[in-house]
Protein backbone atom coordinates (compact mmCIF):
# COMPACT_ATOMS: atom_id res chain seq x y z
CA MET A 1 253.38 -289.57 177.19
CA SER A 2 249.70 -290.45 177.31
CA HIS A 3 248.58 -294.05 176.86
CA VAL A 4 246.74 -292.97 173.68
CA THR A 5 249.69 -291.16 172.08
CA ASN A 6 249.98 -292.18 168.40
CA LYS A 7 246.97 -294.48 168.73
CA ALA A 8 244.39 -294.34 165.94
CA ALA A 9 240.83 -293.71 167.10
CA ILE A 10 237.42 -293.62 165.44
CA VAL A 11 234.70 -291.57 167.13
CA THR A 12 231.15 -291.81 165.81
CA GLY A 13 228.60 -289.06 166.36
CA ALA A 14 231.53 -286.67 166.58
CA SER A 15 229.88 -283.52 165.26
CA ARG A 16 228.72 -282.20 168.64
CA GLY A 17 228.18 -282.90 172.32
CA ILE A 18 229.82 -285.98 173.78
CA GLY A 19 231.38 -287.13 170.52
CA ARG A 20 233.01 -283.79 169.87
CA ALA A 21 234.39 -283.62 173.42
CA ILE A 22 235.79 -287.16 173.14
CA SER A 23 237.48 -286.37 169.83
CA LEU A 24 239.11 -283.24 171.23
CA GLU A 25 240.27 -285.03 174.40
CA LEU A 26 241.79 -287.95 172.52
CA ALA A 27 243.54 -285.61 170.09
CA GLN A 28 244.85 -283.44 172.91
CA GLN A 29 246.32 -286.55 174.50
CA GLY A 30 248.15 -287.49 171.30
CA ALA A 31 245.76 -289.84 169.50
CA HIS A 32 245.15 -289.64 165.76
CA VAL A 33 241.40 -289.28 165.33
CA CYS A 34 238.98 -290.19 162.56
CA VAL A 35 235.84 -288.19 163.30
CA THR A 36 232.58 -289.23 161.71
CA ALA A 37 228.98 -288.03 161.69
CA ARG A 38 226.32 -287.28 159.11
CA SER A 39 227.20 -283.57 158.92
CA GLN A 40 230.27 -283.11 156.74
CA ASN A 41 230.61 -279.42 157.58
CA ALA A 42 230.59 -280.00 161.34
CA ILE A 43 233.21 -282.75 161.30
CA ASP A 44 235.35 -280.84 158.80
CA GLU A 45 235.42 -277.95 161.26
CA LEU A 46 236.28 -280.31 164.11
CA ALA A 47 239.11 -281.95 162.17
CA GLN A 48 240.45 -278.53 161.17
CA GLU A 49 240.38 -277.43 164.82
CA ILE A 50 242.33 -280.51 165.89
CA ASN A 51 244.88 -280.18 163.09
CA ALA A 52 245.33 -276.45 163.71
CA SER A 53 246.20 -277.15 167.35
CA GLY A 54 248.93 -279.61 166.42
CA GLY A 55 246.88 -282.81 166.44
CA ARG A 56 246.08 -285.14 163.60
CA ALA A 57 242.55 -285.82 162.43
CA ILE A 58 240.54 -286.75 159.37
CA ALA A 59 236.82 -286.23 158.82
CA MET A 60 234.65 -288.89 157.17
CA ALA A 61 230.96 -288.18 156.77
CA GLY A 62 228.74 -291.21 157.18
CA ASP A 63 225.58 -292.65 158.66
CA VAL A 64 226.22 -295.43 161.18
CA ALA A 65 222.85 -296.93 160.21
CA LYS A 66 224.42 -297.84 156.84
CA PHE A 67 226.96 -300.67 156.77
CA GLU A 68 228.66 -299.27 153.67
CA ASP A 69 229.23 -295.90 155.35
CA VAL A 70 230.75 -297.49 158.45
CA SER A 71 232.96 -299.65 156.24
CA ARG A 72 234.30 -296.55 154.47
CA VAL A 73 235.09 -294.90 157.81
CA VAL A 74 236.94 -297.93 159.16
CA GLU A 75 238.98 -298.35 156.00
CA ALA A 76 239.81 -294.63 155.88
CA CYS A 77 241.15 -294.78 159.43
CA LYS A 78 243.29 -297.81 158.65
CA ASP A 79 244.59 -296.29 155.41
CA GLU A 80 245.39 -292.90 156.97
CA PHE A 81 246.83 -293.96 160.32
CA GLY A 82 247.92 -297.56 159.74
CA SER A 83 245.84 -299.12 162.52
CA ILE A 84 242.56 -299.00 164.42
CA ASP A 85 243.39 -298.94 168.11
CA ILE A 86 240.33 -297.25 169.63
CA LEU A 87 236.69 -297.23 168.57
CA VAL A 88 234.13 -295.11 170.39
CA ASN A 89 230.56 -295.99 169.41
CA ASN A 90 228.94 -292.75 170.50
CA ALA A 91 226.34 -292.00 167.79
CA GLY A 92 222.80 -292.25 169.14
CA LEU A 93 219.24 -291.01 168.75
CA ILE A 94 216.64 -290.20 171.41
CA ASP A 95 213.88 -289.44 168.88
CA PRO A 96 211.01 -290.24 168.79
CA ILE A 97 210.06 -289.55 172.41
CA SER A 98 206.54 -290.95 172.49
CA ARG A 99 204.51 -293.75 173.97
CA LEU A 100 204.58 -297.02 172.03
CA ALA A 101 201.09 -296.84 170.56
CA ASP A 102 201.70 -293.25 169.41
CA SER A 103 205.18 -293.75 168.00
CA ASP A 104 206.14 -293.20 164.38
CA VAL A 105 207.09 -296.60 162.98
CA ASP A 106 209.86 -295.40 160.68
CA ALA A 107 211.41 -293.12 163.30
CA TRP A 108 211.28 -295.91 165.91
CA GLY A 109 213.05 -298.21 163.47
CA LEU A 110 215.69 -295.60 162.66
CA ALA A 111 216.56 -295.31 166.36
CA ILE A 112 217.16 -299.07 166.41
CA ASP A 113 219.26 -298.81 163.25
CA VAL A 114 221.49 -296.13 164.78
CA ASN A 115 221.63 -297.14 168.45
CA LEU A 116 221.93 -300.89 167.92
CA LYS A 117 222.79 -301.81 164.34
CA GLY A 118 225.27 -298.94 164.11
CA VAL A 119 227.14 -300.38 167.07
CA TYR A 120 227.04 -303.85 165.52
CA TYR A 121 228.33 -302.58 162.17
CA ALA A 122 231.29 -300.83 163.78
CA LEU A 123 232.11 -303.86 165.94
CA ARG A 124 231.84 -306.16 162.93
CA LEU A 125 234.22 -304.03 160.89
CA ALA A 126 236.75 -302.90 163.50
CA ILE A 127 237.23 -306.12 165.46
CA PRO A 128 239.04 -308.03 162.68
CA HIS A 129 241.65 -305.25 162.48
CA MET A 130 242.12 -305.23 166.25
CA GLN A 131 242.21 -309.01 166.33
CA ALA A 132 245.00 -309.01 163.74
CA GLN A 133 246.91 -306.41 165.78
CA GLY A 134 246.38 -308.38 169.00
CA ASP A 135 245.16 -305.24 170.74
CA GLY A 136 242.37 -302.68 170.70
CA THR A 137 239.82 -300.86 172.84
CA ILE A 138 236.16 -300.42 171.97
CA ILE A 139 233.93 -298.21 174.07
CA ASN A 140 230.19 -298.42 173.50
CA MET A 141 228.30 -295.44 174.89
CA SER A 142 225.72 -296.96 177.22
CA SER A 143 222.98 -295.55 179.41
CA GLY A 144 221.01 -296.18 182.54
CA ALA A 145 218.15 -296.69 180.07
CA ALA A 146 219.66 -300.10 179.28
CA ASN A 147 218.40 -301.27 182.69
CA SER A 148 215.29 -299.09 183.01
CA GLN A 149 211.73 -298.76 181.80
CA LEU A 150 211.02 -295.14 180.93
CA GLU A 151 207.81 -293.73 179.50
CA GLY A 152 208.27 -292.53 175.93
CA TRP A 153 211.65 -294.18 175.58
CA SER A 154 210.78 -297.71 174.41
CA HIS A 155 213.10 -297.36 171.41
CA TYR A 156 215.95 -295.98 173.50
CA CYS A 157 215.65 -298.44 176.40
CA ALA A 158 215.36 -301.40 174.02
CA SER A 159 218.27 -300.36 171.81
CA LYS A 160 220.57 -299.52 174.72
CA ALA A 161 219.76 -302.81 176.45
CA ALA A 162 220.57 -304.68 173.24
CA ALA A 163 223.79 -302.70 172.72
CA LYS A 164 224.82 -303.59 176.27
CA LYS A 165 224.45 -307.26 175.32
CA LEU A 166 226.65 -306.63 172.28
CA THR A 167 229.33 -305.33 174.65
CA GLU A 168 229.06 -308.49 176.74
CA CYS A 169 229.05 -310.83 173.74
CA ALA A 170 231.96 -309.09 172.04
CA HIS A 171 233.96 -309.32 175.24
CA LYS A 172 233.26 -313.02 175.57
CA GLU A 173 234.30 -313.70 171.99
CA TYR A 174 237.36 -311.46 171.61
CA ALA A 175 238.89 -310.78 175.03
CA ASP A 176 241.39 -313.57 174.44
CA ALA A 177 242.47 -311.80 171.24
CA GLY A 178 243.41 -308.69 173.18
CA VAL A 179 240.31 -306.70 172.26
CA LYS A 180 238.78 -304.83 175.22
CA VAL A 181 235.08 -303.97 174.80
CA ILE A 182 233.66 -301.70 177.49
CA GLY A 183 230.37 -299.89 178.00
CA LEU A 184 230.39 -296.36 179.40
CA SER A 185 227.23 -295.16 181.15
CA PRO A 186 227.74 -291.44 181.83
CA GLY A 187 224.43 -290.51 183.42
CA THR A 188 222.70 -287.37 182.21
CA VAL A 189 224.87 -285.01 180.17
CA ALA A 190 224.32 -281.37 179.19
CA THR A 191 223.94 -281.81 175.43
CA ASP A 192 221.44 -281.09 172.64
CA MET A 193 219.93 -284.52 173.28
CA MET A 194 219.22 -283.58 176.88
CA MET A 195 217.58 -280.38 175.67
CA LYS A 196 215.19 -282.49 173.55
CA ILE A 197 214.47 -284.68 176.54
CA LYS A 198 213.73 -281.67 178.74
CA ALA A 199 211.49 -280.10 176.09
CA SER A 200 209.46 -283.31 175.81
CA GLY A 201 208.28 -283.11 179.43
CA VAL A 202 207.96 -286.91 179.38
CA ASN A 203 209.16 -289.13 182.29
CA PRO A 204 211.23 -288.04 185.31
CA VAL A 205 214.45 -287.48 183.32
CA SER A 206 212.89 -284.45 181.62
CA GLN A 207 212.16 -282.93 185.02
CA LEU A 208 215.76 -282.93 186.25
CA ASP A 209 217.31 -279.58 186.96
CA TRP A 210 219.84 -278.64 184.30
CA SER A 211 222.52 -278.20 186.96
CA THR A 212 222.44 -281.94 187.66
CA HIS A 213 223.74 -282.81 184.18
CA ILE A 214 227.47 -283.32 183.75
CA PRO A 215 229.43 -281.60 180.96
CA PRO A 216 230.42 -283.71 177.94
CA GLU A 217 234.07 -283.10 178.77
CA TRP A 218 233.66 -285.33 181.83
CA VAL A 219 232.50 -288.16 179.60
CA ALA A 220 235.57 -287.61 177.45
CA LYS A 221 237.75 -288.00 180.56
CA GLY A 222 235.96 -291.27 181.24
CA VAL A 223 236.75 -292.52 177.74
CA LEU A 224 240.41 -291.60 178.16
CA TYR A 225 240.53 -293.47 181.47
CA LEU A 226 238.98 -296.59 179.97
CA CYS A 227 241.46 -296.55 177.10
CA GLY A 228 244.26 -296.93 179.63
CA PRO A 229 245.43 -299.96 181.62
CA SER A 230 242.72 -299.50 184.26
CA GLY A 231 240.00 -299.99 181.65
CA ALA A 232 240.72 -303.70 181.36
CA GLN A 233 239.00 -304.48 184.66
CA TYR A 234 235.71 -303.16 183.26
CA ALA A 235 235.82 -305.08 179.97
CA GLY A 236 232.50 -306.71 179.18
CA THR A 237 230.63 -304.46 181.63
CA ASP A 238 229.26 -300.94 181.86
CA PHE A 239 231.48 -298.42 183.65
CA SER A 240 229.35 -295.69 185.21
CA LEU A 241 230.13 -292.06 185.98
CA LYS A 242 227.23 -291.94 188.43
CA THR A 243 229.10 -293.07 191.53
CA ASN A 244 231.81 -291.31 193.52
CA GLU A 245 234.04 -294.37 193.38
CA GLU A 246 234.14 -294.34 189.60
CA ARG A 247 234.34 -290.55 189.36
CA ALA A 248 237.31 -290.61 191.71
CA ALA A 249 239.02 -293.20 189.55
CA VAL A 250 238.68 -290.93 186.51
CA GLY A 251 239.65 -287.83 188.48
CA LEU A 252 236.30 -286.07 188.24
CA PRO A 253 234.54 -283.97 190.88
CA LEU A 254 232.56 -286.07 193.31
CA ILE A 255 228.83 -286.00 193.90
CA SER A 256 227.97 -283.79 196.86
CA ALA A 257 226.23 -285.45 199.78
């Protein structure tokens, strides 16, 4: 049996890309999954796919930038599955890619609402359940942008840096209660977001050859690894898929010399 068998998981931003791959991987390994994103049709299709293959999933549409929506998702997971054992804060925005003085104020603020406040909302709502259970794993999707300064990405760098601090603070406050909070920095991933980055032509990330990006399924394997016993050693930090040591631990192909 997998270490996530019969565990209840919430995955945000589950409609496509990394979130979809994570949801499918967790379900395949026996977890019960609450998938959430703004697109009801997309997550309904995902939940139907999981259920049709013998898994168990529910779909809850919601915007992580709205506390009330996140609250509904958390309560639905608890009501349906009886617990909240895993939370994957994956939802994120890369828009607007633009220099600070040219940025759209509302769009810049929305990125902060999703990438930072959305993580906070989910932590705020899920941690009490995990604390009461005496166990739980939270994985916050991080990025090398949390430690970088990239042209056109002020919103993304700032929000990811702040979310990394949330990971560290949550670990400090709730590790003793059995709640593991871990950041996962996957590197560049072949998703729709990366297509937007490439199309922007801004900063060196947009110039990377597409072959250098890892598939979202590799990120899902990283999440599964961190949900297991080995994940505890990375609690309060960012686990990266950009080194051979960490890829080997997950069981992923290594970076060629």
